Amino acid sequence: EPWSVGTEVAAQARVPEPWSVGTEVAAQARVPEPWSVGTEVAAQARVPEPWSVGTEVAAKPRVPEPWSVKNQQA
């Protein structure tokens, strides 16, 4: 989906910090918690596709990596 491509959801999924609690990124952590239910990325969290692996989506945790700078890095 549009949100599953190049979004910061898959990125923050690797680092479930306090900011990820109750957010759409928390859902992407592949951990379907109560807060992840009902979010558009919650579906993504359950299906770790190739795009979530080493892509720009997994590049925006909070850690500005070389490949995250290339993107819109929030």
C-alpha atoms as a PDB file:
ATOM      1  CA  GLU A   1       0.000   0.000   0.000  1.00  0.00           C
ATOM      2  CA  PRO A   2       1.028   3.653  -0.357  1.00  0.00           C
ATOM      3  CA  TRP A   3       1.793   3.905   3.339  1.00  0.00           C
ATOM      4  CA  SER A   4       3.813   0.726   3.292  1.00  0.00           C
ATOM      5  CA  VAL A   5       6.216   2.182   0.788  1.00  0.00           C
ATOM      6  CA  GLY A   6       8.919   4.470   2.096  1.00  0.00           C
ATOM      7  CA  THR A   7       7.216   5.120   5.398  1.00  0.00           C
ATOM      8  CA  GLU A   8       8.855   5.512   8.776  1.00  0.00           C
ATOM      9  CA  VAL A   9       6.717   2.753  10.199  1.00  0.00           C
ATOM     10  CA  ALA A  10       8.889  -0.210   9.360  1.00  0.00           C
ATOM     11  CA  ALA A  11      11.884   1.733  10.569  1.00  0.00           C
ATOM     12  CA  GLN A  12      10.661   2.467  14.033  1.00  0.00           C
ATOM     13  CA  ALA A  13       9.440  -1.074  14.182  1.00  0.00           C
ATOM     14  CA  ARG A  14      12.951  -2.161  14.963  1.00  0.00           C
ATOM     15  CA  VAL A  15      13.155   0.271  17.864  1.00  0.00           C
ATOM     16  CA  PRO A  16       9.927   0.242  19.918  1.00  0.00           C
ATOM     17  CA  GLU A  17      10.567   3.303  22.067  1.00  0.00           C
ATOM     18  CA  PRO A  18       8.072   5.293  24.174  1.00  0.00           C
ATOM     19  CA  TRP A  19       7.271   7.343  21.104  1.00  0.00           C
ATOM     20  CA  SER A  20       6.216   4.194  19.312  1.00  0.00           C
ATOM     21  CA  VAL A  21       3.566   3.489  21.921  1.00  0.00           C
ATOM     22  CA  GLY A  22       0.139   4.297  20.561  1.00  0.00           C
ATOM     23  CA  THR A  23       1.532   5.304  17.233  1.00  0.00           C
ATOM     24  CA  GLU A  24       1.135   3.718  13.826  1.00  0.00           C
ATOM     25  CA  VAL A  25       4.804   2.853  13.899  1.00  0.00           C
ATOM     26  CA  ALA A  26       4.386   0.808  17.038  1.00  0.00           C
ATOM     27  CA  ALA A  27       2.087  -1.420  15.059  1.00  0.00           C
ATOM     28  CA  GLN A  28       4.708  -1.885  12.398  1.00  0.00           C
ATOM     29  CA  ALA A  29       6.946  -3.360  15.065  1.00  0.00           C
ATOM     30  CA  ARG A  30       5.417  -6.649  13.965  1.00  0.00           C
ATOM     31  CA  VAL A  31       3.954  -6.920  17.459  1.00  0.00           C
ATOM     32  CA  PRO A  32       0.151  -6.734  17.079  1.00  0.00           C
ATOM     33  CA  GLU A  33      -0.703  -5.088  20.394  1.00  0.00           C
ATOM     34  CA  PRO A  34      -4.061  -3.497  21.264  1.00  0.00           C
ATOM     35  CA  TRP A  35      -2.776  -0.180  19.969  1.00  0.00           C
ATOM     36  CA  SER A  36      -1.660  -1.725  16.713  1.00  0.00           C
ATOM     37  CA  VAL A  37      -5.153  -2.970  16.005  1.00  0.00           C
ATOM     38  CA  GLY A  38      -7.009  -0.575  13.754  1.00  0.00           C
ATOM     39  CA  THR A  39      -4.005   1.138  12.261  1.00  0.00           C
ATOM     40  CA  GLU A  40      -3.130   0.992   8.593  1.00  0.00           C
ATOM     41  CA  VAL A  41       0.370  -0.120   9.449  1.00  0.00           C
ATOM     42  CA  ALA A  42      -0.848  -2.748  11.855  1.00  0.00           C
ATOM     43  CA  ALA A  43      -1.534  -4.837   8.798  1.00  0.00           C
ATOM     44  CA  GLN A  44       1.994  -4.211   7.651  1.00  0.00           C
ATOM     45  CA  ALA A  45       3.358  -5.280  10.986  1.00  0.00           C
ATOM     46  CA  ARG A  46       1.840  -8.676  10.489  1.00  0.00           C
ATOM     47  CA  VAL A  47       3.282  -9.048   7.034  1.00  0.00           C
ATOM     48  CA  PRO A  48       7.019  -8.293   6.989  1.00  0.00           C
ATOM     49  CA  GLU A  49       7.519  -7.994   3.258  1.00  0.00           C
ATOM     50  CA  PRO A  50      10.834  -7.482   1.417  1.00  0.00           C
ATOM     51  CA  TRP A  51      10.247  -3.740   1.539  1.00  0.00           C
ATOM     52  CA  SER A  52      10.555  -3.800   5.289  1.00  0.00           C
ATOM     53  CA  VAL A  53      13.935  -5.453   5.045  1.00  0.00           C
ATOM     54  CA  GLY A  54      16.814  -3.066   4.491  1.00  0.00           C
ATOM     55  CA  THR A  55      14.635  -0.626   2.618  1.00  0.00           C
ATOM     56  CA  GLU A  56      13.960   3.061   3.152  1.00  0.00           C
ATOM     57  CA  VAL A  57      11.096   2.087   5.392  1.00  0.00           C
ATOM     58  CA  ALA A  58      13.414   0.380   7.835  1.00  0.00           C
ATOM     59  CA  ALA A  59      15.743   3.317   7.530  1.00  0.00           C
ATOM     60  CA  LYS A  60      14.004   5.899   9.653  1.00  0.00           C
ATOM     61  CA  PRO A  61      14.094   4.589  13.226  1.00  0.00           C
ATOM     62  CA  ARG A  62      15.516   7.754  14.793  1.00  0.00           C
ATOM     63  CA  VAL A  63      18.962   6.795  13.704  1.00  0.00           C
ATOM     64  CA  PRO A  64      19.919   8.882  10.654  1.00  0.00           C
ATOM     65  CA  GLU A  65      21.763   6.277   8.638  1.00  0.00           C
ATOM     66  CA  PRO A  66      23.316   6.921   5.225  1.00  0.00           C
ATOM     67  CA  TRP A  67      20.311   5.399   3.551  1.00  0.00           C
ATOM     68  CA  SER A  68      17.835   7.249   5.738  1.00  0.00           C
ATOM     69  CA  VAL A  69      19.322  10.592   4.832  1.00  0.00           C
ATOM     70  CA  LYS A  70      18.647   9.663   1.234  1.00  0.00           C
ATOM     71  CA  ASN A  71      14.977   9.539   2.126  1.00  0.00           C
ATOM     72  CA  GLN A  72      12.693  12.106   3.673  1.00  0.00           C
ATOM     73  CA  GLN A  73      13.951  11.019   7.095  1.00  0.00           C
ATOM     74  CA  ALA A  74      11.657  12.316   9.800  1.00  0.00           C
END
